[in-house]
Amino acid sequence: MRALFWISAGLIAWTQVLYAPALALLRRLKGSPPVAPTGEFEPSVSLVVAAYNEESVIAAKVANALALYWPRERLEVIVAVDGASDATAARARAAGADLVLELPRGGKIRAQDAAVRAARGEVVAFGDANALWAPDALTQLVKPFADADVGYVCGQVTFTNEAGTNQEGLYWRYEMFLRAQESALASVTGGNGAIYAVRKEAYVEVDPIMGHDLSFPFRMVKNGWRAVYQPAARAEEKMVPSIEGEWARKRRMMSHGWPIVIKGGLADPRGYSPLYALMIVSHRLLRYGTPFLHLLTGLATLALLRSGRIYRLAAAAQAALVLAAFSGVKAKPTLVARYYVLTTAALAAGLYDWLRHGTPAGWDAPEGTR
């Protein structure tokens, strides 16, 4: 039982706390530079926006795309409308999109696949309908493709939350730090839907329930490409206002994420370097397994309560975390505790949903993000 306690607690500590400084130290020892272009590369770019019932934001998104610092003759704006029942398609056309695809409802991934098949660009960029890019975001996003080994680039998204309780912004800053270290050392282990791009020749069509954010980076690595992070390519997106809303969003995300882990090849080390395999285990597999590690740690702690002071202190710490999370006090420490507990539980809930009900390919925008 002691071994169970120390192994499970140690794995939680590694993935949640120690992995970040270990990466930073390794990067410093290796002297790995940040992502930097090796030459001029000004390809034609197709910017794809997959949209379902986005009539409230799609015109602003198209206008934002057309205002980017990129030669208009080398920019194609495609809106792939996934069976919308509102005026999304009409408003996208009126806003000046180059191509609007009106597709039957099939989910975001199938809409993106259709857009890529129709795209003329050498590089295909993707952005969420509610994500607004900085004027130079596309210029910065394309720069790393000057390296012929780079097949995928994700940018930096800032989540805004003016009045809500959600602590996703704090987590996301930590995540961006990890992404920068991974990118410099090898390749990133995950991306984001707000701002990313791929070489058209590197694009792969995945199962429609398996999103690009998690499936693309490791697939690029397996196919011989690098997947990198470009922090100078910036976008802004409105986050779910409440922690409870974030719980629901992450639960839905993980119902798409677990199939990638279990069936989609993420956990299969073939095609990974030893360093990238360690990153996948540390940042993805152990992170997603955290609720189960907490359960094992808790059970071992209860069994060991009379075996020494260290186990009583561990029990007190675990109890304090749960009590703080559900205290109802809206102070920063308790909100962070609530965010951690609920979003960790959402990882397990997403697995339950997928195993019990399956995962639909379609999606709806989280409440409060438009």
Protein backbone atom coordinates (compact mmCIF):
# COMPACT_ATOMS: atom_id res chain seq x y z
CA MET A 1 0.00 0.00 0.00
CA ARG A 2 2.90 2.33 0.70
CA ALA A 3 4.21 1.71 -2.81
CA LEU A 4 0.77 2.54 -4.26
CA PHE A 5 0.65 5.79 -2.30
CA TRP A 6 4.11 6.99 -3.29
CA ILE A 7 3.88 5.94 -6.93
CA SER A 8 0.46 7.50 -7.54
CA ALA A 9 1.27 10.67 -5.57
CA GLY A 10 4.65 10.92 -7.30
CA LEU A 11 3.07 10.64 -10.77
CA ILE A 12 0.58 13.41 -9.90
CA ALA A 13 3.43 15.61 -8.71
CA TRP A 14 5.44 14.89 -11.85
CA THR A 15 2.73 15.69 -14.39
CA GLN A 16 1.22 18.66 -12.54
CA VAL A 17 4.28 20.33 -10.99
CA LEU A 18 7.70 18.87 -11.81
CA TYR A 19 7.40 18.32 -15.56
CA ALA A 20 7.50 22.04 -16.34
CA PRO A 21 10.79 22.87 -14.56
CA ALA A 22 12.32 19.62 -15.85
CA LEU A 23 11.54 20.69 -19.43
CA ALA A 24 12.89 24.18 -18.83
CA LEU A 25 16.11 22.75 -17.38
CA LEU A 26 16.54 20.34 -20.28
CA ARG A 27 15.97 23.13 -22.77
CA ARG A 28 18.59 25.25 -21.02
CA LEU A 29 21.09 22.39 -20.99
CA LYS A 30 20.53 21.68 -24.68
CA GLY A 31 20.53 25.35 -25.60
CA SER A 32 17.47 24.83 -27.80
CA PRO A 33 16.44 28.10 -29.48
CA PRO A 34 12.86 29.28 -29.86
CA VAL A 35 11.06 28.66 -33.15
CA ALA A 36 12.74 30.76 -35.83
CA PRO A 37 12.24 30.84 -39.59
CA THR A 38 15.25 29.82 -41.65
CA GLY A 39 14.36 31.84 -44.74
CA GLU A 40 11.63 33.63 -46.66
CA PHE A 41 8.47 31.66 -47.28
CA GLU A 42 5.41 33.43 -48.64
CA PRO A 43 3.00 30.72 -49.74
CA SER A 44 -0.58 30.96 -50.81
CA VAL A 45 -2.77 30.46 -47.73
CA SER A 46 -6.32 29.20 -47.35
CA LEU A 47 -7.86 30.25 -44.03
CA VAL A 48 -10.66 27.88 -43.02
CA VAL A 49 -13.42 28.62 -40.54
CA ALA A 50 -15.77 25.73 -39.74
CA ALA A 51 -19.07 27.15 -38.52
CA TYR A 52 -22.32 25.80 -37.13
CA ASN A 53 -25.03 28.40 -36.33
CA GLU A 54 -22.50 31.22 -35.99
CA GLU A 55 -24.59 34.03 -37.50
CA SER A 56 -23.80 36.31 -34.55
CA VAL A 57 -20.03 36.25 -35.07
CA ILE A 58 -19.23 35.02 -38.59
CA ALA A 59 -19.25 38.44 -40.29
CA ALA A 60 -16.76 39.79 -37.76
CA LYS A 61 -14.58 36.70 -38.24
CA VAL A 62 -14.51 37.09 -42.04
CA ALA A 63 -13.75 40.79 -41.72
CA ASN A 64 -10.94 39.98 -39.29
CA ALA A 65 -9.50 37.44 -41.74
CA LEU A 66 -9.62 39.85 -44.67
CA ALA A 67 -7.84 42.54 -42.62
CA LEU A 68 -4.81 40.35 -41.87
CA TYR A 69 -1.40 41.51 -43.05
CA TRP A 70 -1.13 39.08 -45.94
CA PRO A 71 -1.25 39.78 -49.69
CA ARG A 72 -4.88 39.50 -50.74
CA GLU A 73 -4.00 37.62 -53.92
CA ARG A 74 -2.39 34.89 -51.80
CA LEU A 75 -5.17 34.63 -49.23
CA GLU A 76 -8.32 32.54 -49.64
CA VAL A 77 -10.98 32.73 -46.91
CA ILE A 78 -13.19 29.63 -46.74
CA VAL A 79 -16.20 29.26 -44.45
CA ALA A 80 -17.36 25.65 -44.16
CA VAL A 81 -20.93 25.74 -42.85
CA ASP A 82 -21.77 22.52 -41.05
CA GLY A 83 -25.52 22.13 -41.63
CA ALA A 84 -26.40 25.44 -39.99
CA SER A 85 -30.07 26.27 -39.44
CA ASP A 86 -29.46 30.03 -39.24
CA ALA A 87 -28.05 32.73 -41.54
CA THR A 88 -24.37 31.80 -41.11
CA ALA A 89 -23.78 31.09 -44.82
CA ALA A 90 -25.52 34.25 -46.06
CA ARG A 91 -23.67 36.46 -43.61
CA ALA A 92 -20.31 34.88 -44.49
CA ARG A 93 -20.92 35.61 -48.18
CA ALA A 94 -22.04 39.16 -47.46
CA ALA A 95 -18.90 39.74 -45.39
CA GLY A 96 -16.70 38.81 -48.35
CA ALA A 97 -15.63 35.17 -47.83
CA ASP A 98 -14.04 33.78 -51.00
CA LEU A 99 -15.77 30.42 -50.70
CA VAL A 100 -18.73 29.36 -48.58
CA LEU A 101 -19.44 25.63 -48.45
CA GLU A 102 -22.94 24.68 -47.32
CA LEU A 103 -22.53 21.13 -46.07
CA PRO A 104 -24.85 18.58 -44.47
CA ARG A 105 -24.43 18.29 -40.72
CA GLY A 106 -21.42 16.07 -40.16
CA GLY A 107 -19.36 17.75 -37.45
CA LYS A 108 -16.46 20.18 -37.39
CA ILE A 109 -13.83 17.74 -38.64
CA ARG A 110 -15.79 16.73 -41.73
CA ALA A 111 -16.46 20.40 -42.50
CA GLN A 112 -12.73 21.10 -42.25
CA ASP A 113 -11.94 18.11 -44.45
CA ALA A 114 -14.29 19.41 -47.14
CA ALA A 115 -12.72 22.86 -46.94
CA VAL A 116 -9.19 21.47 -47.29
CA ARG A 117 -10.17 19.44 -50.33
CA ALA A 118 -11.48 22.64 -51.92
CA ALA A 119 -8.60 24.85 -50.75
CA ARG A 120 -6.07 26.26 -53.22
CA GLY A 121 -3.44 27.31 -50.67
CA GLU A 122 -0.09 25.62 -50.05
CA VAL A 123 -0.71 26.22 -46.34
CA VAL A 124 -4.11 25.79 -44.74
CA ALA A 125 -4.80 27.83 -41.61
CA PHE A 126 -7.70 27.25 -39.23
CA GLY A 127 -9.47 29.44 -36.71
CA ASP A 128 -12.60 29.29 -34.55
CA ALA A 129 -15.52 31.47 -35.58
CA ASN A 130 -15.28 33.50 -32.38
CA ALA A 131 -11.47 33.82 -32.35
CA LEU A 132 -10.14 37.17 -33.56
CA TRP A 133 -6.55 37.23 -34.81
CA ALA A 134 -4.01 40.01 -34.37
CA PRO A 135 -3.29 41.83 -37.66
CA ASP A 136 0.12 40.13 -38.07
CA ALA A 137 -1.04 36.73 -36.77
CA LEU A 138 -1.05 35.00 -40.15
CA THR A 139 2.36 36.41 -41.06
CA GLN A 140 3.79 35.05 -37.82
CA LEU A 141 1.93 31.73 -38.10
CA VAL A 142 3.39 31.02 -41.53
CA LYS A 143 7.00 31.91 -40.69
CA PRO A 144 8.03 28.53 -39.18
CA PHE A 145 7.07 26.80 -42.44
CA ALA A 146 10.30 28.23 -43.88
CA ASP A 147 11.77 25.13 -42.21
CA ALA A 148 10.93 22.29 -44.59
CA ASP A 149 10.60 19.86 -41.65
CA VAL A 150 7.71 21.79 -40.08
CA GLY A 151 4.28 20.44 -40.97
CA TYR A 152 2.12 22.02 -38.24
CA VAL A 153 2.20 25.34 -36.38
CA CYS A 154 -0.10 26.47 -33.59
CA GLY A 155 -0.28 30.02 -32.33
CA GLN A 156 -0.98 31.60 -28.98
CA VAL A 157 -4.56 32.17 -27.91
CA THR A 158 -5.51 34.49 -25.05
CA PHE A 159 -8.77 33.72 -23.31
CA THR A 160 -10.79 36.68 -22.05
CA ASN A 161 -13.11 36.52 -19.06
CA GLU A 162 -14.19 39.92 -17.82
CA ALA A 163 -16.61 38.95 -15.07
CA GLY A 164 -16.73 35.18 -14.62
CA THR A 165 -15.15 32.76 -12.16
CA ASN A 166 -13.38 30.53 -14.67
CA GLN A 167 -9.64 30.09 -14.00
CA GLU A 168 -8.84 28.71 -17.47
CA GLY A 169 -6.66 31.75 -18.21
CA LEU A 170 -4.30 30.83 -15.37
CA TYR A 171 -4.08 27.21 -16.55
CA TRP A 172 -3.64 28.30 -20.16
CA ARG A 173 -0.61 30.49 -19.36
CA TYR A 174 0.98 27.45 -17.73
CA GLU A 175 0.07 25.35 -20.77
CA MET A 176 1.66 27.89 -23.12
CA PHE A 177 4.89 27.71 -21.11
CA LEU A 178 4.94 23.92 -21.50
CA ARG A 179 4.19 24.22 -25.20
CA ALA A 180 7.11 26.60 -25.73
CA GLN A 181 9.55 24.18 -24.07
CA GLU A 182 8.24 21.15 -25.97
CA SER A 183 8.37 23.01 -29.29
CA ALA A 184 11.97 24.07 -28.78
CA LEU A 185 13.09 20.59 -27.71
CA ALA A 186 11.13 18.42 -30.17
CA SER A 187 7.47 19.02 -31.05
CA VAL A 188 4.34 20.10 -29.18
CA THR A 189 2.03 17.40 -27.83
CA GLY A 190 -1.18 19.39 -28.32
CA GLY A 191 -2.55 22.41 -30.13
CA ASN A 192 -5.60 24.66 -30.03
CA GLY A 193 -8.49 25.33 -32.38
CA ALA A 194 -8.30 29.11 -32.27
CA ILE A 195 -5.18 29.52 -34.43
CA TYR A 196 -3.14 26.84 -36.20
CA ALA A 197 -1.96 25.88 -39.68
CA VAL A 198 -0.67 22.87 -41.62
CA ARG A 199 1.05 22.32 -44.91
CA LYS A 200 -1.66 21.08 -47.23
CA GLU A 201 0.52 18.10 -48.15
CA ALA A 202 0.79 17.17 -44.45
CA TYR A 203 -2.96 17.36 -43.74
CA VAL A 204 -4.54 14.10 -42.63
CA GLU A 205 -8.23 13.24 -42.42
CA VAL A 206 -8.99 11.78 -39.00
CA ASP A 207 -12.03 10.13 -37.47
CA PRO A 208 -14.74 12.83 -37.21
CA ILE A 209 -14.96 12.46 -33.42
CA MET A 210 -11.20 13.06 -33.05
CA GLY A 211 -10.40 16.78 -33.10
CA HIS A 212 -7.30 18.33 -34.62
CA ASP A 213 -6.08 19.91 -31.35
CA LEU A 214 -4.89 16.62 -29.90
CA SER A 215 -4.63 14.36 -32.95
CA PHE A 216 -2.63 16.54 -35.34
CA PRO A 217 0.63 17.19 -33.43
CA PHE A 218 1.48 13.55 -32.66
CA ARG A 219 0.31 12.41 -36.10
CA MET A 220 2.61 14.96 -37.71
CA VAL A 221 5.51 13.56 -35.69
CA LYS A 222 4.66 9.98 -36.68
CA ASN A 223 4.56 11.11 -40.33
CA GLY A 224 8.03 12.67 -40.15
CA TRP A 225 7.09 16.33 -39.62
CA ARG A 226 7.70 18.71 -36.71
CA ALA A 227 4.75 20.29 -34.90
CA VAL A 228 5.77 23.64 -33.41
CA TYR A 229 4.43 26.52 -31.34
CA GLN A 230 4.69 30.10 -32.59
CA PRO A 231 3.84 32.47 -29.71
CA ALA A 232 4.09 35.54 -31.95
CA ALA A 233 0.95 34.41 -33.81
CA ARG A 234 -1.74 35.72 -31.48
CA ALA A 235 -5.50 35.29 -31.27
CA GLU A 236 -8.11 36.19 -28.68
CA GLU A 237 -11.16 34.16 -27.74
CA LYS A 238 -13.88 34.52 -25.15
CA MET A 239 -13.80 31.72 -22.60
CA VAL A 240 -16.67 30.03 -20.83
CA PRO A 241 -17.51 32.45 -17.98
CA SER A 242 -17.93 30.01 -15.07
CA ILE A 243 -15.91 27.12 -13.67
CA GLU A 244 -19.03 24.97 -13.94
CA GLY A 245 -19.24 25.84 -17.63
CA GLU A 246 -15.57 24.91 -18.01
CA TRP A 247 -16.30 21.56 -16.39
CA ALA A 248 -18.95 20.87 -19.04
CA ARG A 249 -16.65 22.05 -21.86
CA LYS A 250 -13.73 19.88 -20.73
CA ARG A 251 -16.03 16.90 -20.22
CA ARG A 252 -17.19 17.28 -23.83
CA MET A 253 -13.60 17.77 -25.03
CA MET A 254 -12.41 14.62 -23.30
CA SER A 255 -15.23 12.56 -24.79
CA HIS A 256 -13.41 13.40 -28.04
CA GLY A 257 -9.94 13.11 -26.47
CA TRP A 258 -10.14 9.61 -24.99
CA PRO A 259 -10.80 7.95 -28.37
CA ILE A 260 -7.58 9.57 -29.61
CA VAL A 261 -5.67 8.18 -26.61
CA ILE A 262 -7.12 4.68 -26.73
CA LYS A 263 -7.90 4.09 -30.41
CA GLY A 264 -6.27 6.92 -32.32
CA GLY A 265 -2.60 6.12 -31.74
CA LEU A 266 -1.57 8.76 -29.19
CA ALA A 267 -0.44 6.13 -26.68
CA ASP A 268 1.37 4.07 -29.34
CA PRO A 269 5.09 5.02 -29.09
CA ARG A 270 5.95 3.87 -32.62
CA GLY A 271 7.24 6.84 -34.60
CA TYR A 272 8.23 8.84 -31.50
CA SER A 273 11.75 9.73 -30.42
CA PRO A 274 12.51 8.79 -26.79
CA LEU A 275 12.20 12.46 -25.76
CA TYR A 276 8.88 12.97 -27.52
CA ALA A 277 7.56 9.72 -26.03
CA LEU A 278 8.45 11.06 -22.57
CA MET A 279 6.57 14.28 -23.39
CA ILE A 280 3.49 12.36 -24.48
CA VAL A 281 3.51 10.28 -21.30
CA SER A 282 4.18 13.25 -19.01
CA HIS A 283 1.96 15.90 -20.56
CA ARG A 284 -0.86 13.82 -22.01
CA LEU A 285 -1.23 10.29 -20.65
CA LEU A 286 -0.46 11.07 -17.02
CA ARG A 287 -2.40 14.35 -17.16
CA TYR A 288 -5.48 12.60 -18.47
CA GLY A 289 -5.02 9.83 -15.92
CA THR A 290 -4.85 12.29 -13.01
CA PRO A 291 -8.38 11.62 -11.64
CA PHE A 292 -7.57 7.92 -11.36
CA LEU A 293 -4.20 8.67 -9.75
CA HIS A 294 -5.99 10.88 -7.20
CA LEU A 295 -8.42 8.06 -6.47
CA LEU A 296 -5.57 5.60 -5.90
CA THR A 297 -3.71 8.10 -3.72
CA GLY A 298 -6.84 8.74 -1.66
CA LEU A 299 -7.54 5.06 -1.09
CA ALA A 300 -3.92 4.37 -0.16
CA THR A 301 -3.94 7.35 2.23
CA LEU A 302 -7.01 6.05 4.05
CA ALA A 303 -5.42 2.63 4.42
CA LEU A 304 -2.21 4.16 5.79
CA LEU A 305 -3.68 6.73 8.22
CA ARG A 306 -2.29 4.89 11.25
CA SER A 307 1.09 4.22 9.64
CA GLY A 308 2.73 7.57 10.21
CA ARG A 309 2.38 11.33 10.36
CA ILE A 310 3.15 11.80 6.66
CA TYR A 311 -0.02 9.94 5.70
CA ARG A 312 -2.17 11.95 8.13
CA LEU A 313 -0.74 15.14 6.61
CA ALA A 314 -1.49 13.80 3.14
CA ALA A 315 -5.08 13.07 4.19
CA ALA A 316 -5.43 16.59 5.60
CA ALA A 317 -4.08 18.13 2.39
CA GLN A 318 -6.48 16.15 0.21
CA ALA A 319 -9.42 17.03 2.43
CA ALA A 320 -8.45 20.71 2.41
CA LEU A 321 -8.35 20.75 -1.39
CA VAL A 322 -11.86 19.28 -1.65
CA LEU A 323 -13.26 21.52 1.09
CA ALA A 324 -11.79 24.62 -0.54
CA ALA A 325 -13.18 23.58 -3.91
CA PHE A 326 -16.72 23.28 -2.60
CA SER A 327 -16.68 25.98 0.07
CA GLY A 328 -18.53 28.48 -2.11
CA VAL A 329 -16.02 31.20 -1.19
CA LYS A 330 -15.12 33.30 -4.24
CA ALA A 331 -11.52 34.04 -3.35
CA LYS A 332 -8.67 33.31 -5.75
CA PRO A 333 -7.26 30.28 -3.87
CA THR A 334 -10.67 28.61 -3.50
CA LEU A 335 -11.58 29.34 -7.14
CA VAL A 336 -8.31 27.75 -8.27
CA ALA A 337 -9.04 24.72 -6.07
CA ARG A 338 -12.55 24.45 -7.50
CA TYR A 339 -11.22 24.75 -11.05
CA TYR A 340 -8.64 22.03 -10.43
CA VAL A 341 -11.06 19.59 -8.80
CA LEU A 342 -13.84 20.03 -11.37
CA THR A 343 -11.65 20.00 -14.46
CA THR A 344 -9.77 16.96 -13.18
CA ALA A 345 -13.07 15.19 -12.58
CA ALA A 346 -14.13 16.18 -16.10
CA LEU A 347 -11.33 14.02 -17.51
CA ALA A 348 -12.92 10.93 -15.98
CA ALA A 349 -16.44 12.05 -16.88
CA GLY A 350 -15.41 12.40 -20.53
CA LEU A 351 -14.14 8.82 -20.52
CA TYR A 352 -17.43 7.64 -19.00
CA ASP A 353 -19.44 9.51 -21.63
CA TRP A 354 -17.47 8.00 -24.50
CA LEU A 355 -17.62 4.45 -23.13
CA ARG A 356 -21.28 4.69 -22.12
CA HIS A 357 -22.82 6.73 -24.92
CA GLY A 358 -20.22 7.21 -27.64
CA THR A 359 -19.22 10.62 -28.95
CA PRO A 360 -21.21 12.56 -31.57
CA ALA A 361 -19.24 14.26 -34.35
CA GLY A 362 -21.35 17.44 -34.18
CA TRP A 363 -20.80 20.24 -31.72
CA ASP A 364 -22.49 23.30 -30.25
CA ALA A 365 -20.70 26.41 -29.04
CA PRO A 366 -20.23 26.47 -25.24
CA GLU A 367 -22.63 28.85 -23.51
CA GLY A 368 -21.26 32.34 -22.98
CA THR A 369 -18.47 32.18 -25.59
CA ARG A 370 -20.21 34.19 -28.31
